[in-house]
Amino acid sequence: MSVNSGRSDATLIGLLRSARYEVIPTAGVEEKVLACVPQDLTVTVTASPSKGLEATLELTERLRAGGYRVVPHLSARLVRDGAHLREIVDRLRTAGIDDVFVPAGDADPPAGRFDAALPLLVELTQLGRPFPNVGIPGYPESHPRIDDDITIQAMWDKRAHATYIVSNLCFDARVLATWIARVRRRQVTLPIHLGVAGPVESTKLLTVATKIGVGESTRFLRTHPSWLTNLIRPGGYSPERLLRRVTSLLTAPDSTVVAVHVYTFNQLAEAERWRQRMLRERPR
């Protein structure tokens, strides 16, 4: 094994040991987390128009009380106004939360005056940066409604109010490499959490989609048409194959990929079995 290969393997193993698991606040997911997820891993909790922020906040509080480090999604378009934001901040700080993820969200129309993530991020800064860690989304593949240059520019605009970027799902190592290079060319130096789909069976993915809600599931698949294709095509996707193809990215001095963010679609037992197998079988 070459020195570079050994370094890549060691880096990937380190990232897998501290992987983050994203969950959707549906019925029964709390029990799955408690049963399957080691407490040294971070759990992130999504927010959606169909469930509202309350489901996210309640699950966050329960998991934090259970001993987990939890990162709630504060979808800007679900926050009504400054008073509502302050209530959320107080509630999360009381629960011991020190890390939040701030996307714009899909609520249409928005619940109040926050129609994008940047105004909410600015307001958090004006509140004295109550959370030491603040994540923002990045889009390796084209956003269905926003031009690529605008999504990169948005990261530049948000960089002063955030501490890291979480990349949206992508199944192409070359696309990931190109995107990271573009982000760094724009002098956006925030560390990146590499978003990777876990080992999800197509039938289970569709079951989760049904629980999310028909309207939201349809919007999810319409705005990410390549995701379902890659997930259900026989032999079309495996998380380990993607990670092995991007190992050179992980050790590049200017990429600053610091974490693996696993989109579990609530298939937590499968995700943890996969992670443990990857830790046992050093990538080659």
Protein backbone atom coordinates (compact mmCIF):
# COMPACT_ATOMS: atom_id res chain seq x y z
CA MET A 1 0.00 0.00 0.00
CA SER A 2 1.36 3.42 -0.97
CA VAL A 3 1.88 6.25 1.51
CA ASN A 4 -0.91 8.26 -0.14
CA SER A 5 -3.27 5.29 -0.06
CA GLY A 6 -2.53 4.70 3.61
CA ARG A 7 -3.14 8.36 4.40
CA SER A 8 -6.46 8.30 2.53
CA ASP A 9 -7.55 5.16 4.36
CA ALA A 10 -6.67 6.64 7.73
CA THR A 11 -8.53 9.86 6.91
CA LEU A 12 -11.65 7.99 5.80
CA ILE A 13 -11.61 5.80 8.89
CA GLY A 14 -11.38 8.91 11.06
CA LEU A 15 -14.34 10.50 9.29
CA LEU A 16 -16.44 7.35 9.65
CA ARG A 17 -15.69 7.13 13.36
CA SER A 18 -17.22 10.58 13.83
CA ALA A 19 -19.97 10.35 11.20
CA ARG A 20 -23.18 12.32 11.62
CA TYR A 21 -26.55 10.64 11.08
CA GLU A 22 -29.43 12.71 9.70
CA VAL A 23 -32.92 11.60 10.77
CA ILE A 24 -36.45 12.65 9.88
CA PRO A 25 -38.78 13.26 12.87
CA THR A 26 -41.31 10.52 12.14
CA ALA A 27 -43.05 8.18 14.56
CA GLY A 28 -40.68 5.58 15.97
CA VAL A 29 -37.42 7.23 14.93
CA GLU A 30 -36.47 8.07 18.53
CA GLU A 31 -36.57 4.38 19.43
CA LYS A 32 -34.43 3.58 16.38
CA VAL A 33 -31.81 6.12 17.40
CA LEU A 34 -31.68 4.78 20.97
CA ALA A 35 -31.41 1.20 19.72
CA CYS A 36 -28.93 1.65 16.87
CA VAL A 37 -26.86 4.81 17.17
CA PRO A 38 -23.84 4.95 19.51
CA GLN A 39 -23.92 8.00 21.78
CA ASP A 40 -20.56 9.22 20.55
CA LEU A 41 -22.13 10.02 17.16
CA THR A 42 -23.99 13.24 16.36
CA VAL A 43 -27.63 13.07 15.22
CA THR A 44 -29.10 15.83 13.05
CA VAL A 45 -32.87 16.31 12.90
CA THR A 46 -34.57 17.64 9.77
CA ALA A 47 -37.47 20.09 9.57
CA SER A 48 -40.27 20.09 7.03
CA PRO A 49 -43.32 22.17 6.09
CA SER A 50 -45.63 19.23 6.72
CA LYS A 51 -44.49 18.69 10.31
CA GLY A 52 -43.31 22.18 11.23
CA LEU A 53 -40.49 23.06 13.58
CA GLU A 54 -42.21 21.69 16.67
CA ALA A 55 -41.56 18.06 15.66
CA THR A 56 -37.89 18.91 15.11
CA LEU A 57 -37.54 20.72 18.44
CA GLU A 58 -39.32 18.02 20.44
CA LEU A 59 -37.19 15.20 19.00
CA THR A 60 -34.06 17.29 19.52
CA GLU A 61 -34.90 17.81 23.19
CA ARG A 62 -35.66 14.14 23.78
CA LEU A 63 -32.50 12.88 22.09
CA ARG A 64 -30.38 15.45 23.90
CA ALA A 65 -31.90 14.32 27.20
CA GLY A 66 -30.99 10.79 26.16
CA GLY A 67 -27.32 11.72 25.97
CA TYR A 68 -26.84 12.47 22.27
CA ARG A 69 -25.21 15.46 20.66
CA VAL A 70 -28.02 16.76 18.47
CA VAL A 71 -28.13 19.30 15.63
CA PRO A 72 -31.63 20.57 14.78
CA HIS A 73 -32.44 22.03 11.37
CA LEU A 74 -33.76 25.57 11.75
CA SER A 75 -35.49 26.04 8.42
CA ALA A 76 -35.71 29.80 8.00
CA ARG A 77 -39.04 29.77 6.18
CA LEU A 78 -40.66 28.03 9.17
CA VAL A 79 -39.65 30.76 11.63
CA ARG A 80 -42.33 33.44 12.00
CA ASP A 81 -40.35 36.44 13.26
CA GLY A 82 -37.66 37.61 15.63
CA ALA A 83 -39.70 36.78 18.73
CA HIS A 84 -40.26 33.24 17.48
CA LEU A 85 -36.55 32.87 16.77
CA ARG A 86 -35.65 34.04 20.28
CA GLU A 87 -38.09 31.51 21.75
CA ILE A 88 -36.43 28.75 19.70
CA VAL A 89 -32.95 29.88 20.74
CA ASP A 90 -33.88 29.94 24.43
CA ARG A 91 -35.48 26.52 24.18
CA LEU A 92 -32.48 24.94 22.44
CA ARG A 93 -29.94 26.54 24.74
CA THR A 94 -31.89 25.28 27.73
CA ALA A 95 -31.65 21.79 26.22
CA GLY A 96 -27.88 22.15 25.88
CA ILE A 97 -27.73 22.52 22.08
CA ASP A 98 -24.59 24.19 20.75
CA ASP A 99 -24.90 23.41 17.03
CA VAL A 100 -27.67 24.19 14.51
CA PHE A 101 -28.09 23.78 10.76
CA VAL A 102 -29.80 26.63 8.91
CA PRO A 103 -31.29 25.99 5.45
CA ALA A 104 -33.91 28.17 3.81
CA GLY A 105 -36.40 25.28 3.78
CA ASP A 106 -39.26 24.55 1.42
CA ALA A 107 -42.24 26.20 3.17
CA ASP A 108 -44.23 28.04 0.52
CA PRO A 109 -45.32 30.59 1.49
CA PRO A 110 -42.91 31.19 4.39
CA ALA A 111 -44.37 31.35 7.89
CA GLY A 112 -43.22 34.93 8.34
CA ARG A 113 -40.56 37.42 7.39
CA PHE A 114 -37.66 34.99 6.92
CA ASP A 115 -37.87 34.04 3.26
CA ALA A 116 -34.26 32.78 3.05
CA ALA A 117 -31.51 31.51 5.33
CA LEU A 118 -29.27 34.60 5.26
CA PRO A 119 -31.66 36.97 7.13
CA LEU A 120 -32.08 34.38 9.89
CA LEU A 121 -28.31 33.83 10.09
CA VAL A 122 -27.79 37.58 10.39
CA GLU A 123 -30.34 37.74 13.19
CA LEU A 124 -28.60 34.92 15.05
CA THR A 125 -25.37 36.90 14.81
CA GLN A 126 -27.16 39.98 16.15
CA LEU A 127 -28.40 37.87 19.07
CA GLY A 128 -24.76 37.33 20.02
CA ARG A 129 -24.09 34.05 18.21
CA PRO A 130 -25.95 31.85 20.73
CA PHE A 131 -24.72 28.68 18.99
CA PRO A 132 -20.95 28.23 18.61
CA ASN A 133 -21.50 25.94 15.61
CA VAL A 134 -23.75 26.86 12.67
CA GLY A 135 -24.03 24.82 9.49
CA ILE A 136 -25.27 25.91 6.07
CA PRO A 137 -26.10 23.80 2.99
CA GLY A 138 -24.01 23.40 -0.15
CA TYR A 139 -25.22 22.06 -3.50
CA PRO A 140 -22.72 19.93 -5.48
CA GLU A 141 -25.42 19.16 -8.07
CA SER A 142 -27.47 21.96 -9.59
CA HIS A 143 -30.33 23.21 -7.46
CA PRO A 144 -33.59 22.83 -9.40
CA ARG A 145 -34.61 26.45 -8.77
CA ILE A 146 -31.33 28.29 -8.18
CA ASP A 147 -28.41 28.86 -10.55
CA ASP A 148 -25.10 27.26 -9.54
CA ASP A 149 -23.30 30.59 -9.36
CA ILE A 150 -25.96 31.92 -7.00
CA THR A 151 -25.65 28.93 -4.65
CA ILE A 152 -21.88 29.42 -4.48
CA GLN A 153 -22.35 33.17 -3.96
CA ALA A 154 -24.84 32.43 -1.18
CA MET A 155 -22.16 30.50 0.69
CA TRP A 156 -19.89 33.53 0.39
CA ASP A 157 -22.64 35.77 1.77
CA LYS A 158 -23.32 33.41 4.67
CA ARG A 159 -19.72 32.56 5.54
CA ALA A 160 -19.39 35.25 8.23
CA HIS A 161 -22.40 33.81 10.09
CA ALA A 162 -21.61 30.08 9.76
CA THR A 163 -18.87 27.67 10.82
CA TYR A 164 -19.28 24.77 8.36
CA ILE A 165 -21.00 23.59 5.16
CA VAL A 166 -22.98 20.36 4.71
CA SER A 167 -23.05 19.18 1.10
CA ASN A 168 -26.38 18.04 -0.29
CA LEU A 169 -26.65 14.52 -1.68
CA CYS A 170 -24.46 13.74 -4.67
CA PHE A 171 -23.66 10.40 -6.27
CA ASP A 172 -20.81 11.45 -8.56
CA ALA A 173 -17.27 11.81 -7.24
CA ARG A 174 -16.26 14.02 -10.16
CA VAL A 175 -19.14 16.40 -9.50
CA LEU A 176 -18.12 16.59 -5.84
CA ALA A 177 -14.51 17.37 -6.75
CA THR A 178 -15.57 20.10 -9.18
CA TRP A 179 -17.93 21.65 -6.66
CA ILE A 180 -15.36 21.73 -3.85
CA ALA A 181 -12.84 23.33 -6.22
CA ARG A 182 -15.39 26.03 -7.15
CA VAL A 183 -16.19 26.72 -3.51
CA ARG A 184 -12.52 27.15 -2.68
CA ARG A 185 -11.87 29.32 -5.74
CA ARG A 186 -14.50 31.70 -4.38
CA GLN A 187 -12.41 31.89 -1.20
CA VAL A 188 -15.07 30.18 0.89
CA THR A 189 -12.89 28.39 3.44
CA LEU A 190 -15.52 26.92 5.79
CA PRO A 191 -14.90 23.21 6.54
CA ILE A 192 -17.14 20.81 4.62
CA HIS A 193 -19.22 17.91 5.91
CA LEU A 194 -19.52 15.53 2.97
CA GLY A 195 -23.15 14.44 2.48
CA VAL A 196 -23.52 10.75 1.59
CA ALA A 197 -26.66 8.64 1.24
CA GLY A 198 -26.61 5.63 3.54
CA PRO A 199 -27.32 2.07 2.38
CA VAL A 200 -31.06 2.54 1.80
CA GLU A 201 -33.33 -0.07 0.22
CA SER A 202 -35.67 1.45 -2.37
CA THR A 203 -38.80 -0.03 -0.80
CA LYS A 204 -37.86 1.39 2.59
CA LEU A 205 -37.06 4.75 1.04
CA LEU A 206 -40.56 4.88 -0.44
CA THR A 207 -42.03 3.91 2.95
CA VAL A 208 -40.19 6.80 4.59
CA ALA A 209 -41.34 9.11 1.80
CA THR A 210 -44.94 8.13 2.53
CA LYS A 211 -44.48 8.97 6.22
CA ILE A 212 -43.05 12.37 5.34
CA GLY A 213 -46.21 13.21 3.43
CA VAL A 214 -47.35 12.75 -0.15
CA GLY A 215 -46.98 16.39 -1.18
CA GLU A 216 -43.55 16.77 0.35
CA SER A 217 -42.37 13.42 -0.99
CA THR A 218 -43.44 14.36 -4.50
CA ARG A 219 -41.63 17.68 -4.21
CA PHE A 220 -38.55 15.89 -2.83
CA LEU A 221 -38.34 13.53 -5.80
CA ARG A 222 -39.22 16.20 -8.36
CA THR A 223 -36.47 18.51 -7.15
CA HIS A 224 -33.90 15.71 -6.91
CA PRO A 225 -34.67 13.50 -9.94
CA SER A 226 -31.30 11.73 -10.00
CA TRP A 227 -31.47 10.60 -6.38
CA LEU A 228 -34.18 7.98 -6.69
CA THR A 229 -32.69 6.71 -9.96
CA ASN A 230 -29.34 6.17 -8.30
CA LEU A 231 -30.82 4.61 -5.19
CA ILE A 232 -33.09 2.06 -6.88
CA ARG A 233 -31.01 1.03 -9.91
CA PRO A 234 -29.49 -2.43 -9.28
CA GLY A 235 -25.81 -1.91 -8.53
CA GLY A 236 -26.23 1.80 -9.20
CA TYR A 237 -25.14 3.13 -5.84
CA SER A 238 -23.26 2.07 -2.76
CA PRO A 239 -21.95 4.51 -0.16
CA GLU A 240 -18.62 2.73 0.20
CA ARG A 241 -17.92 2.89 -3.53
CA LEU A 242 -18.59 6.62 -3.57
CA LEU A 243 -16.39 7.23 -0.53
CA ARG A 244 -13.55 5.22 -1.99
CA ARG A 245 -13.76 7.27 -5.17
CA VAL A 246 -13.46 10.53 -3.25
CA THR A 247 -10.61 9.54 -0.90
CA SER A 248 -8.21 11.82 -2.79
CA LEU A 249 -10.57 14.69 -1.97
CA LEU A 250 -10.42 13.88 1.70
CA THR A 251 -6.67 14.34 1.92
CA ALA A 252 -6.28 17.28 -0.48
CA PRO A 253 -4.81 20.14 1.56
CA ASP A 254 -7.33 22.73 0.39
CA SER A 255 -10.53 20.65 0.43
CA THR A 256 -10.95 20.74 4.24
CA VAL A 257 -13.48 17.89 4.35
CA VAL A 258 -13.82 17.28 8.07
CA ALA A 259 -16.85 15.01 8.47
CA VAL A 260 -19.17 12.53 6.75
CA HIS A 261 -22.85 13.45 6.99
CA VAL A 262 -24.99 10.34 6.38
CA TYR A 263 -28.49 10.82 5.00
CA THR A 264 -30.05 7.76 6.64
CA PHE A 265 -33.71 8.16 5.56
CA ASN A 266 -34.31 6.73 9.07
CA GLN A 267 -32.73 3.40 8.13
CA LEU A 268 -30.47 3.58 11.15
CA ALA A 269 -29.79 -0.10 11.76
CA GLU A 270 -28.65 -0.48 8.15
CA ALA A 271 -26.53 2.67 8.33
CA GLU A 272 -24.77 1.59 11.50
CA ARG A 273 -24.11 -1.95 10.21
CA TRP A 274 -22.59 -0.41 7.08
CA ARG A 275 -20.43 2.01 9.10
CA GLN A 276 -19.17 -0.74 11.38
CA ARG A 277 -18.33 -2.94 8.39
CA MET A 278 -16.44 -0.07 6.77
CA LEU A 279 -14.48 0.44 9.99
CA ARG A 280 -13.57 -3.25 10.06
CA GLU A 281 -12.70 -3.46 6.36
CA ARG A 282 -10.14 -0.75 5.75
CA PRO A 283 -10.96 0.81 2.36
CA ARG A 284 -8.65 -0.24 -0.42
